Amino acid sequence: MPETLTIHLAHSVAAARVADALNESAPVRADELEIRNPQSAICNQDGRSQELGQLCGLVKSLTDQLGRLHEETVANHRGEIARLAVEIARRILAQRVASGDYDVQAVIEEALKRAPTHQNIVIRVNPQDLPACQKLQQQDADGPFAALEFVADRSIARADCLIETPKGIIRSFVEQHLERISEVLGRVK
């Protein structure tokens, strides 16, 4: 009969299962499994319990060291991580804008939320975005875009817009949004 290995745990065991290398679902016989009270003396058969205890201690020590290293790395490189995250976002957005994979309607609607007034508004967009804006106006003659004046402006990048109102100007530029995100990430501790 194989030798019995006893493991002493610091906490109570709610359930246990012995996995056989050939058959994981093999039933566990009472004489094959021994769970003792954690307060019991350590049973040492051929040094296996001590060896297992040492290995568990080593694994715990390594886990603790890796956890501390991770925390130190994140803390020491927080600014670089934020800069890298923003740069990744910048490249993804640049690729999407270059391929025309963005919703100009959503860009304009988001910018309009910051407008101090919704009368006598002129929206400057990139000449490539102008046809999509005009199409939105034509689709819904009574919609929110119907009363807006869209103007093509070569100085405005694709997926950007500049809203002119009698009370001020609202800029909605991808680059400015990325800068704000970078500032916020830089302040996070």
N, C-alpha and C. Protein backbone atom coordinates (compact mmCIF):
# COMPACT_ATOMS: atom_id res chain seq x y z
N MET A 1 0.85 -1.17 0.00
CA MET A 1 0.00 0.00 0.00
C MET A 1 0.89 1.23 0.00
N PRO A 2 0.55 2.27 -0.81
CA PRO A 2 1.38 3.46 -0.85
C PRO A 2 1.35 4.19 0.48
N GLU A 3 2.43 4.94 0.73
CA GLU A 3 2.51 5.68 1.97
C GLU A 3 1.52 6.83 1.96
N THR A 4 1.02 7.17 3.15
CA THR A 4 0.06 8.26 3.29
C THR A 4 0.82 9.56 3.54
N LEU A 5 0.48 10.60 2.80
CA LEU A 5 1.09 11.92 2.97
C LEU A 5 0.10 12.78 3.72
N THR A 6 0.52 13.37 4.80
CA THR A 6 -0.35 14.23 5.59
C THR A 6 0.10 15.67 5.41
N ILE A 7 -0.86 16.55 5.10
CA ILE A 7 -0.58 17.97 4.93
C ILE A 7 -1.33 18.73 6.00
N HIS A 8 -0.63 19.60 6.71
CA HIS A 8 -1.26 20.41 7.76
C HIS A 8 -1.45 21.82 7.22
N LEU A 9 -2.69 22.30 7.26
CA LEU A 9 -3.02 23.61 6.74
C LEU A 9 -3.37 24.56 7.87
N ALA A 10 -3.16 25.84 7.64
CA ALA A 10 -3.46 26.85 8.66
C ALA A 10 -4.95 27.09 8.79
N HIS A 11 -5.72 26.72 7.77
CA HIS A 11 -7.17 26.94 7.78
C HIS A 11 -7.88 25.61 7.62
N SER A 12 -9.16 25.60 8.02
CA SER A 12 -9.96 24.39 7.88
C SER A 12 -10.16 24.07 6.40
N VAL A 13 -10.35 22.79 6.11
CA VAL A 13 -10.59 22.34 4.75
C VAL A 13 -12.08 22.10 4.59
N ALA A 14 -12.68 22.74 3.57
CA ALA A 14 -14.10 22.58 3.33
C ALA A 14 -14.37 21.31 2.52
N ALA A 15 -13.47 20.99 1.60
CA ALA A 15 -13.64 19.81 0.76
C ALA A 15 -12.27 19.38 0.26
N ALA A 16 -12.16 18.13 -0.10
CA ALA A 16 -10.88 17.62 -0.62
C ALA A 16 -11.16 16.57 -1.67
N ARG A 17 -10.25 16.46 -2.64
CA ARG A 17 -10.36 15.46 -3.68
C ARG A 17 -8.94 15.05 -4.03
N VAL A 18 -8.70 13.78 -4.17
CA VAL A 18 -7.39 13.28 -4.55
C VAL A 18 -7.45 12.96 -6.04
N ALA A 19 -6.55 13.52 -6.81
CA ALA A 19 -6.53 13.30 -8.24
C ALA A 19 -5.49 12.25 -8.56
N ASP A 20 -5.93 11.23 -9.22
CA ASP A 20 -5.04 10.17 -9.65
C ASP A 20 -4.49 10.57 -11.02
N ALA A 21 -3.22 10.33 -11.26
CA ALA A 21 -2.60 10.73 -12.53
C ALA A 21 -3.29 10.07 -13.72
N LEU A 22 -3.79 8.86 -13.55
CA LEU A 22 -4.43 8.18 -14.66
C LEU A 22 -5.93 8.43 -14.72
N ASN A 23 -6.53 8.67 -13.57
CA ASN A 23 -7.97 8.82 -13.51
C ASN A 23 -8.31 9.88 -12.48
N GLU A 24 -8.54 11.14 -12.92
CA GLU A 24 -8.79 12.24 -11.99
C GLU A 24 -10.07 12.05 -11.19
N SER A 25 -11.00 11.32 -11.71
CA SER A 25 -12.27 11.17 -11.01
C SER A 25 -12.31 9.91 -10.14
N ALA A 26 -11.15 9.34 -9.86
CA ALA A 26 -11.12 8.14 -9.04
C ALA A 26 -11.69 8.44 -7.67
N PRO A 27 -12.53 7.54 -7.15
CA PRO A 27 -13.11 7.80 -5.83
C PRO A 27 -12.02 7.77 -4.76
N VAL A 28 -12.24 8.57 -3.73
CA VAL A 28 -11.29 8.65 -2.63
C VAL A 28 -11.79 7.76 -1.50
N ARG A 29 -10.95 6.82 -1.12
CA ARG A 29 -11.30 5.94 0.00
C ARG A 29 -10.88 6.61 1.29
N ALA A 30 -11.62 6.40 2.32
CA ALA A 30 -11.35 7.04 3.61
C ALA A 30 -9.94 6.73 4.10
N ASP A 31 -9.44 5.52 3.81
CA ASP A 31 -8.11 5.16 4.30
C ASP A 31 -6.99 5.80 3.47
N GLU A 32 -7.35 6.45 2.34
CA GLU A 32 -6.34 7.11 1.50
C GLU A 32 -6.21 8.60 1.82
N LEU A 33 -7.16 9.17 2.53
CA LEU A 33 -7.17 10.61 2.78
C LEU A 33 -7.25 10.87 4.27
N GLU A 34 -6.33 11.67 4.74
CA GLU A 34 -6.33 12.01 6.16
C GLU A 34 -6.23 13.51 6.28
N ILE A 35 -7.24 14.12 6.92
CA ILE A 35 -7.22 15.56 7.16
C ILE A 35 -7.22 15.73 8.67
N ARG A 36 -6.16 16.37 9.16
CA ARG A 36 -6.03 16.55 10.60
C ARG A 36 -6.31 18.00 10.97
N ASN A 37 -6.58 18.21 12.21
CA ASN A 37 -6.76 19.54 12.75
C ASN A 37 -5.45 20.31 12.57
N PRO A 38 -5.49 21.58 12.12
CA PRO A 38 -4.26 22.34 11.91
C PRO A 38 -3.41 22.48 13.17
N GLN A 39 -4.01 22.29 14.32
CA GLN A 39 -3.27 22.41 15.57
C GLN A 39 -2.47 21.14 15.90
N SER A 40 -2.71 20.07 15.16
CA SER A 40 -2.04 18.80 15.42
C SER A 40 -0.55 18.90 15.14
N ALA A 41 0.19 17.99 15.69
CA ALA A 41 1.63 17.94 15.44
C ALA A 41 1.89 17.53 14.01
N ILE A 42 2.97 18.00 13.43
CA ILE A 42 3.30 17.68 12.04
C ILE A 42 3.79 16.25 11.96
N CYS A 43 3.17 15.53 11.04
CA CYS A 43 3.57 14.16 10.79
C CYS A 43 4.59 14.18 9.67
N ASN A 44 5.74 13.61 9.88
CA ASN A 44 6.80 13.68 8.88
C ASN A 44 7.14 12.28 8.41
N GLN A 45 6.61 11.91 7.24
CA GLN A 45 6.94 10.62 6.68
C GLN A 45 8.00 10.83 5.62
N ASP A 46 9.15 10.30 5.86
CA ASP A 46 10.28 10.36 4.93
C ASP A 46 10.62 11.78 4.52
N GLY A 47 10.34 12.77 5.34
CA GLY A 47 10.70 14.15 5.05
C GLY A 47 9.82 14.83 4.02
N ARG A 48 8.77 14.17 3.56
CA ARG A 48 7.91 14.75 2.52
C ARG A 48 7.16 15.99 3.02
N SER A 49 6.67 15.93 4.24
CA SER A 49 5.92 17.07 4.78
C SER A 49 6.83 18.28 4.92
N GLN A 50 8.03 18.05 5.41
CA GLN A 50 8.97 19.16 5.55
C GLN A 50 9.35 19.72 4.19
N GLU A 51 9.58 18.84 3.24
CA GLU A 51 9.95 19.27 1.89
C GLU A 51 8.81 20.07 1.25
N LEU A 52 7.58 19.58 1.42
CA LEU A 52 6.42 20.29 0.89
C LEU A 52 6.27 21.64 1.57
N GLY A 53 6.47 21.68 2.85
CA GLY A 53 6.40 22.93 3.60
C GLY A 53 7.45 23.93 3.11
N GLN A 54 8.65 23.44 2.86
CA GLN A 54 9.72 24.31 2.35
C GLN A 54 9.38 24.82 0.96
N LEU A 55 8.85 23.95 0.11
CA LEU A 55 8.47 24.38 -1.24
C LEU A 55 7.35 25.40 -1.20
N CYS A 56 6.37 25.19 -0.34
CA CYS A 56 5.27 26.15 -0.21
C CYS A 56 5.81 27.49 0.30
N GLY A 57 6.72 27.44 1.23
CA GLY A 57 7.33 28.67 1.74
C GLY A 57 8.10 29.40 0.65
N LEU A 58 8.81 28.64 -0.18
CA LEU A 58 9.55 29.23 -1.29
C LEU A 58 8.60 29.88 -2.30
N VAL A 59 7.53 29.18 -2.64
CA VAL A 59 6.55 29.73 -3.58
C VAL A 59 5.93 31.01 -3.01
N LYS A 60 5.59 31.00 -1.74
CA LYS A 60 5.02 32.20 -1.11
C LYS A 60 6.02 33.34 -1.13
N SER A 61 7.25 33.05 -0.83
CA SER A 61 8.29 34.09 -0.84
C SER A 61 8.46 34.67 -2.24
N LEU A 62 8.49 33.82 -3.25
CA LEU A 62 8.62 34.30 -4.63
C LEU A 62 7.40 35.12 -5.05
N THR A 63 6.22 34.68 -4.66
CA THR A 63 5.00 35.41 -4.98
C THR A 63 5.02 36.79 -4.34
N ASP A 64 5.43 36.85 -3.08
CA ASP A 64 5.52 38.14 -2.38
C ASP A 64 6.52 39.06 -3.06
N GLN A 65 7.68 38.52 -3.44
CA GLN A 65 8.70 39.32 -4.10
C GLN A 65 8.21 39.83 -5.45
N LEU A 66 7.55 38.97 -6.23
CA LEU A 66 7.01 39.40 -7.52
C LEU A 66 5.94 40.48 -7.34
N GLY A 67 5.11 40.33 -6.33
CA GLY A 67 4.09 41.34 -6.05
C GLY A 67 4.71 42.69 -5.72
N ARG A 68 5.75 42.68 -4.88
CA ARG A 68 6.44 43.93 -4.55
C ARG A 68 7.12 44.53 -5.77
N LEU A 69 7.74 43.70 -6.59
CA LEU A 69 8.40 44.17 -7.80
C LEU A 69 7.39 44.81 -8.75
N HIS A 70 6.24 44.17 -8.90
CA HIS A 70 5.18 44.72 -9.76
C HIS A 70 4.74 46.09 -9.24
N GLU A 71 4.47 46.20 -7.96
CA GLU A 71 4.02 47.47 -7.37
C GLU A 71 5.08 48.55 -7.55
N GLU A 72 6.35 48.22 -7.31
CA GLU A 72 7.43 49.19 -7.48
C GLU A 72 7.57 49.62 -8.93
N THR A 73 7.46 48.67 -9.84
CA THR A 73 7.59 48.98 -11.26
C THR A 73 6.48 49.92 -11.71
N VAL A 74 5.26 49.63 -11.33
CA VAL A 74 4.14 50.50 -11.70
C VAL A 74 4.32 51.88 -11.08
N ALA A 75 4.69 51.93 -9.80
CA ALA A 75 4.86 53.22 -9.12
C ALA A 75 6.00 54.03 -9.75
N ASN A 76 7.10 53.39 -10.06
CA ASN A 76 8.26 54.10 -10.60
C ASN A 76 8.09 54.51 -12.05
N HIS A 77 7.20 53.85 -12.76
CA HIS A 77 7.07 54.12 -14.19
C HIS A 77 5.66 54.58 -14.58
N ARG A 78 4.92 55.09 -13.61
CA ARG A 78 3.53 55.51 -13.85
C ARG A 78 3.45 56.52 -15.01
N GLY A 79 4.32 57.51 -15.03
CA GLY A 79 4.31 58.52 -16.09
C GLY A 79 4.58 57.92 -17.45
N GLU A 80 5.55 57.01 -17.49
CA GLU A 80 5.89 56.36 -18.76
C GLU A 80 4.75 55.47 -19.24
N ILE A 81 4.09 54.79 -18.30
CA ILE A 81 2.95 53.94 -18.66
C ILE A 81 1.82 54.79 -19.23
N ALA A 82 1.55 55.93 -18.59
CA ALA A 82 0.49 56.83 -19.07
C ALA A 82 0.85 57.37 -20.45
N ARG A 83 2.10 57.78 -20.64
CA ARG A 83 2.53 58.31 -21.94
C ARG A 83 2.40 57.23 -23.01
N LEU A 84 2.79 56.02 -22.68
CA LEU A 84 2.69 54.91 -23.64
C LEU A 84 1.24 54.60 -23.98
N ALA A 85 0.36 54.61 -22.98
CA ALA A 85 -1.07 54.35 -23.23
C ALA A 85 -1.66 55.40 -24.16
N VAL A 86 -1.30 56.66 -23.94
CA VAL A 86 -1.82 57.73 -24.79
C VAL A 86 -1.24 57.61 -26.20
N GLU A 87 0.02 57.25 -26.30
CA GLU A 87 0.64 57.09 -27.63
C GLU A 87 -0.01 55.94 -28.40
N ILE A 88 -0.33 54.87 -27.71
CA ILE A 88 -1.03 53.75 -28.35
C ILE A 88 -2.40 54.22 -28.85
N ALA A 89 -3.13 54.96 -28.00
CA ALA A 89 -4.44 55.48 -28.40
C ALA A 89 -4.29 56.42 -29.59
N ARG A 90 -3.27 57.26 -29.58
CA ARG A 90 -3.03 58.20 -30.68
C ARG A 90 -2.84 57.45 -32.01
N ARG A 91 -2.06 56.40 -31.97
CA ARG A 91 -1.80 55.64 -33.20
C ARG A 91 -3.05 54.90 -33.69
N ILE A 92 -3.80 54.35 -32.76
CA ILE A 92 -5.04 53.67 -33.15
C ILE A 92 -6.01 54.66 -33.76
N LEU A 93 -6.17 55.81 -33.11
CA LEU A 93 -7.08 56.83 -33.64
C LEU A 93 -6.62 57.35 -34.99
N ALA A 94 -5.31 57.58 -35.14
CA ALA A 94 -4.78 58.06 -36.42
C ALA A 94 -5.09 57.07 -37.53
N GLN A 95 -4.95 55.79 -37.23
CA GLN A 95 -5.24 54.76 -38.23
C GLN A 95 -6.72 54.75 -38.58
N ARG A 96 -7.57 54.86 -37.56
CA ARG A 96 -9.02 54.86 -37.81
C ARG A 96 -9.45 56.09 -38.60
N VAL A 97 -8.88 57.25 -38.26
CA VAL A 97 -9.23 58.47 -38.98
C VAL A 97 -8.75 58.38 -40.42
N ALA A 98 -7.52 57.90 -40.63
CA ALA A 98 -6.98 57.78 -41.98
C ALA A 98 -7.84 56.86 -42.85
N SER A 99 -8.42 55.83 -42.24
CA SER A 99 -9.26 54.90 -43.02
C SER A 99 -10.72 55.35 -43.07
N GLY A 100 -11.04 56.47 -42.41
CA GLY A 100 -12.42 56.98 -42.41
C GLY A 100 -13.33 56.22 -41.48
N ASP A 101 -12.76 55.48 -40.54
CA ASP A 101 -13.52 54.65 -39.61
C ASP A 101 -13.85 55.44 -38.33
N TYR A 102 -14.70 56.45 -38.47
CA TYR A 102 -15.15 57.24 -37.32
C TYR A 102 -16.52 57.80 -37.65
N ASP A 103 -17.23 58.21 -36.62
CA ASP A 103 -18.59 58.72 -36.76
C ASP A 103 -18.57 60.24 -36.60
N VAL A 104 -18.59 60.97 -37.71
CA VAL A 104 -18.52 62.43 -37.65
C VAL A 104 -19.74 62.99 -36.92
N GLN A 105 -20.87 62.34 -37.02
CA GLN A 105 -22.06 62.79 -36.30
C GLN A 105 -21.81 62.77 -34.79
N ALA A 106 -21.23 61.70 -34.28
CA ALA A 106 -20.94 61.61 -32.85
C ALA A 106 -19.94 62.68 -32.42
N VAL A 107 -18.95 62.95 -33.27
CA VAL A 107 -17.95 63.99 -32.96
C VAL A 107 -18.65 65.34 -32.80
N ILE A 108 -19.52 65.68 -33.75
CA ILE A 108 -20.20 66.97 -33.72
C ILE A 108 -21.19 67.04 -32.57
N GLU A 109 -21.95 65.99 -32.35
CA GLU A 109 -22.92 65.98 -31.25
C GLU A 109 -22.22 66.17 -29.91
N GLU A 110 -21.09 65.52 -29.72
CA GLU A 110 -20.33 65.66 -28.46
C GLU A 110 -19.84 67.10 -28.30
N ALA A 111 -19.35 67.71 -29.37
CA ALA A 111 -18.88 69.10 -29.30
C ALA A 111 -20.04 70.05 -29.03
N LEU A 112 -21.19 69.78 -29.62
CA LEU A 112 -22.35 70.64 -29.42
C LEU A 112 -22.82 70.66 -27.96
N LYS A 113 -22.56 69.59 -27.24
CA LYS A 113 -22.94 69.54 -25.82
C LYS A 113 -22.24 70.63 -25.02
N ARG A 114 -21.08 71.06 -25.50
CA ARG A 114 -20.32 72.09 -24.78
C ARG A 114 -20.60 73.50 -25.30
N ALA A 115 -21.46 73.61 -26.30
CA ALA A 115 -21.77 74.93 -26.87
C ALA A 115 -22.64 75.73 -25.90
N PRO A 116 -22.28 77.01 -25.67
CA PRO A 116 -23.07 77.82 -24.73
C PRO A 116 -24.44 78.20 -25.28
N THR A 117 -24.61 78.15 -26.57
CA THR A 117 -25.89 78.44 -27.21
C THR A 117 -26.04 77.52 -28.42
N HIS A 118 -27.27 77.35 -28.86
CA HIS A 118 -27.51 76.47 -30.02
C HIS A 118 -28.16 77.24 -31.17
N GLN A 119 -27.93 78.54 -31.20
CA GLN A 119 -28.46 79.37 -32.27
C GLN A 119 -27.30 80.04 -33.00
N ASN A 120 -27.46 80.25 -34.29
CA ASN A 120 -26.45 80.90 -35.13
C ASN A 120 -25.10 80.20 -35.02
N ILE A 121 -25.12 78.90 -35.19
CA ILE A 121 -23.90 78.10 -35.05
C ILE A 121 -23.33 77.79 -36.44
N VAL A 122 -22.01 77.97 -36.52
CA VAL A 122 -21.27 77.59 -37.72
C VAL A 122 -20.29 76.50 -37.29
N ILE A 123 -20.30 75.41 -38.02
CA ILE A 123 -19.40 74.30 -37.68
C ILE A 123 -18.40 74.12 -38.81
N ARG A 124 -17.14 74.27 -38.46
CA ARG A 124 -16.06 74.10 -39.44
C ARG A 124 -15.56 72.67 -39.34
N VAL A 125 -15.52 72.02 -40.50
CA VAL A 125 -15.07 70.62 -40.57
C VAL A 125 -14.09 70.47 -41.72
N ASN A 126 -13.39 69.39 -41.72
CA ASN A 126 -12.49 69.06 -42.82
C ASN A 126 -13.31 68.89 -44.09
N PRO A 127 -12.79 69.33 -45.24
CA PRO A 127 -13.54 69.17 -46.51
C PRO A 127 -13.99 67.72 -46.77
N GLN A 128 -13.23 66.74 -46.30
CA GLN A 128 -13.62 65.34 -46.51
C GLN A 128 -14.80 64.94 -45.62
N ASP A 129 -15.02 65.66 -44.50
CA ASP A 129 -16.14 65.37 -43.61
C ASP A 129 -17.41 66.13 -44.00
N LEU A 130 -17.26 67.16 -44.82
CA LEU A 130 -18.41 68.00 -45.17
C LEU A 130 -19.54 67.21 -45.85
N PRO A 131 -19.27 66.33 -46.83
CA PRO A 131 -20.39 65.59 -47.45
C PRO A 131 -21.19 64.76 -46.45
N ALA A 132 -20.53 64.15 -45.48
CA ALA A 132 -21.26 63.36 -44.47
C ALA A 132 -22.14 64.28 -43.63
N CYS A 133 -21.66 65.47 -43.29
CA CYS A 133 -22.45 66.42 -42.51
C CYS A 133 -23.66 66.90 -43.31
N GLN A 134 -23.46 67.19 -44.57
CA GLN A 134 -24.57 67.63 -45.42
C GLN A 134 -25.61 66.52 -45.59
N LYS A 135 -25.14 65.30 -45.66
CA LYS A 135 -26.05 64.15 -45.78
C LYS A 135 -26.91 64.04 -44.51
N LEU A 136 -26.29 64.27 -43.36
CA LEU A 136 -27.04 64.22 -42.10
C LEU A 136 -28.12 65.30 -42.08
N GLN A 137 -27.82 66.48 -42.62
CA GLN A 137 -28.81 67.55 -42.68
C GLN A 137 -29.97 67.16 -43.59
N GLN A 138 -29.66 66.55 -44.71
CA GLN A 138 -30.69 66.19 -45.70
C GLN A 138 -31.57 65.03 -45.22
N GLN A 139 -31.00 64.14 -44.45
CA GLN A 139 -31.76 62.96 -43.98
C GLN A 139 -32.89 63.36 -43.04
N ASP A 140 -32.65 64.38 -42.22
CA ASP A 140 -33.65 64.77 -41.23
C ASP A 140 -33.78 66.29 -41.24
N ALA A 141 -34.74 66.78 -42.02
CA ALA A 141 -34.92 68.24 -42.19
C ALA A 141 -35.33 68.92 -40.88
N ASP A 142 -35.88 68.17 -39.95
CA ASP A 142 -36.28 68.75 -38.66
C ASP A 142 -35.31 68.36 -37.54
N GLY A 143 -34.24 67.65 -37.86
CA GLY A 143 -33.30 67.16 -36.85
C GLY A 143 -32.37 68.25 -36.33
N PRO A 144 -31.54 67.87 -35.39
CA PRO A 144 -30.65 68.85 -34.75
C PRO A 144 -29.59 69.44 -35.69
N PHE A 145 -29.31 68.79 -36.80
CA PHE A 145 -28.29 69.30 -37.73
C PHE A 145 -28.89 70.25 -38.77
N ALA A 146 -30.22 70.29 -38.88
CA ALA A 146 -30.88 71.07 -39.92
C ALA A 146 -30.56 72.56 -39.83
N ALA A 147 -30.51 73.12 -38.62
CA ALA A 147 -30.31 74.56 -38.44
C ALA A 147 -28.83 74.95 -38.39
N LEU A 148 -27.95 74.00 -38.51
CA LEU A 148 -26.52 74.29 -38.41
C LEU A 148 -25.96 74.64 -39.77
N GLU A 149 -24.93 75.49 -39.75
CA GLU A 149 -24.24 75.83 -40.99
C GLU A 149 -22.88 75.13 -40.97
N PHE A 150 -22.65 74.28 -41.94
CA PHE A 150 -21.38 73.57 -42.05
C PHE A 150 -20.51 74.25 -43.09
N VAL A 151 -19.22 74.42 -42.74
CA VAL A 151 -18.27 75.07 -43.63
C VAL A 151 -17.03 74.19 -43.73
N ALA A 152 -16.56 73.97 -44.95
CA ALA A 152 -15.33 73.21 -45.15
C ALA A 152 -14.15 74.10 -44.80
N ASP A 153 -13.21 73.54 -44.04
CA ASP A 153 -12.03 74.30 -43.60
C ASP A 153 -10.83 73.36 -43.66
N ARG A 154 -9.89 73.66 -44.55
CA ARG A 154 -8.72 72.79 -44.72
C ARG A 154 -7.81 72.78 -43.49
N SER A 155 -7.93 73.75 -42.62
CA SER A 155 -7.08 73.79 -41.42
C SER A 155 -7.60 72.84 -40.33
N ILE A 156 -8.80 72.30 -40.52
CA ILE A 156 -9.39 71.36 -39.56
C ILE A 156 -9.09 69.94 -40.05
N ALA A 157 -8.54 69.14 -39.16
CA ALA A 157 -8.22 67.75 -39.50
C ALA A 157 -9.50 66.91 -39.56
N ARG A 158 -9.41 65.78 -40.23
CA ARG A 158 -10.54 64.85 -40.26
C ARG A 158 -10.86 64.40 -38.84
N ALA A 159 -12.14 64.21 -38.57
CA ALA A 159 -12.66 63.80 -37.27
C ALA A 159 -12.57 64.91 -36.22
N ASP A 160 -12.18 66.12 -36.63
CA ASP A 160 -12.15 67.29 -35.74
C ASP A 160 -13.24 68.25 -36.20
N CYS A 161 -13.62 69.16 -35.31
CA CYS A 161 -14.52 70.23 -35.71
C CYS A 161 -14.30 71.44 -34.82
N LEU A 162 -14.67 72.59 -35.35
CA LEU A 162 -14.58 73.84 -34.61
C LEU A 162 -15.96 74.48 -34.71
N ILE A 163 -16.56 74.76 -33.58
CA ILE A 163 -17.91 75.32 -33.54
C ILE A 163 -17.81 76.79 -33.16
N GLU A 164 -18.36 77.62 -34.02
CA GLU A 164 -18.39 79.06 -33.76
C GLU A 164 -19.81 79.43 -33.33
N THR A 165 -19.92 80.06 -32.16
CA THR A 165 -21.21 80.55 -31.67
C THR A 165 -21.05 82.03 -31.37
N PRO A 166 -22.16 82.75 -31.22
CA PRO A 166 -22.06 84.16 -30.85
C PRO A 166 -21.39 84.36 -29.49
N LYS A 167 -21.37 83.33 -28.66
CA LYS A 167 -20.80 83.45 -27.31
C LYS A 167 -19.43 82.82 -27.17
N GLY A 168 -18.89 82.27 -28.25
CA GLY A 168 -17.55 81.69 -28.14
C GLY A 168 -17.32 80.56 -29.13
N ILE A 169 -16.11 80.01 -29.03
CA ILE A 169 -15.67 78.96 -29.94
C ILE A 169 -15.41 77.69 -29.14
N ILE A 170 -15.88 76.59 -29.70
CA ILE A 170 -15.63 75.27 -29.10
C ILE A 170 -14.77 74.49 -30.08
N ARG A 171 -13.65 74.00 -29.59
CA ARG A 171 -12.76 73.18 -30.42
C ARG A 171 -12.91 71.73 -29.97
N SER A 172 -13.11 70.87 -30.91
CA SER A 172 -13.16 69.44 -30.63
C SER A 172 -12.13 68.77 -31.54
N PHE A 173 -10.92 68.70 -31.02
CA PHE A 173 -9.80 68.15 -31.77
C PHE A 173 -9.31 66.89 -31.07
N VAL A 174 -9.08 65.86 -31.82
CA VAL A 174 -8.61 64.58 -31.28
C VAL A 174 -7.35 64.80 -30.44
N GLU A 175 -6.43 65.58 -30.96
CA GLU A 175 -5.16 65.80 -30.26
C GLU A 175 -5.38 66.46 -28.89
N GLN A 176 -6.31 67.40 -28.80
CA GLN A 176 -6.60 68.04 -27.51
C GLN A 176 -7.21 67.04 -26.54
N HIS A 177 -8.08 66.17 -27.04
CA HIS A 177 -8.67 65.14 -26.18
C HIS A 177 -7.58 64.22 -25.63
N LEU A 178 -6.64 63.84 -26.48
CA LEU A 178 -5.54 62.98 -26.03
C LEU A 178 -4.67 63.68 -25.00
N GLU A 179 -4.43 64.98 -25.18
CA GLU A 179 -3.65 65.74 -24.21
C GLU A 179 -4.36 65.77 -22.85
N ARG A 180 -5.67 65.97 -22.86
CA ARG A 180 -6.43 65.97 -21.60
C ARG A 180 -6.34 64.60 -20.91
N ILE A 181 -6.46 63.55 -21.70
CA ILE A 181 -6.35 62.21 -21.14
C ILE A 181 -4.97 62.01 -20.53
N SER A 182 -3.96 62.46 -21.22
CA SER A 182 -2.59 62.35 -20.72
C SER A 182 -2.43 63.10 -19.40
N GLU A 183 -2.99 64.29 -19.31
CA GLU A 183 -2.92 65.07 -18.07
C GLU A 183 -3.60 64.34 -16.92
N VAL A 184 -4.78 63.80 -17.19
CA VAL A 184 -5.52 63.08 -16.15
C VAL A 184 -4.74 61.85 -15.70
N LEU A 185 -4.21 61.09 -16.65
CA LEU A 185 -3.44 59.90 -16.29
C LEU A 185 -2.19 60.28 -15.51
N GLY A 186 -1.60 61.41 -15.83
CA GLY A 186 -0.41 61.87 -15.11
C GLY A 186 -0.70 62.23 -13.67
N ARG A 187 -1.93 62.63 -13.37
CA ARG A 187 -2.30 63.00 -12.00
C ARG A 187 -2.73 61.81 -11.16
N VAL A 188 -3.08 60.71 -11.79
CA VAL A 188 -3.55 59.52 -11.06
C VAL A 188 -2.39 58.94 -10.26
N LYS A 189 -2.67 58.62 -9.02
CA LYS A 189 -1.62 58.06 -8.16
C LYS A 189 -1.93 56.64 -7.81
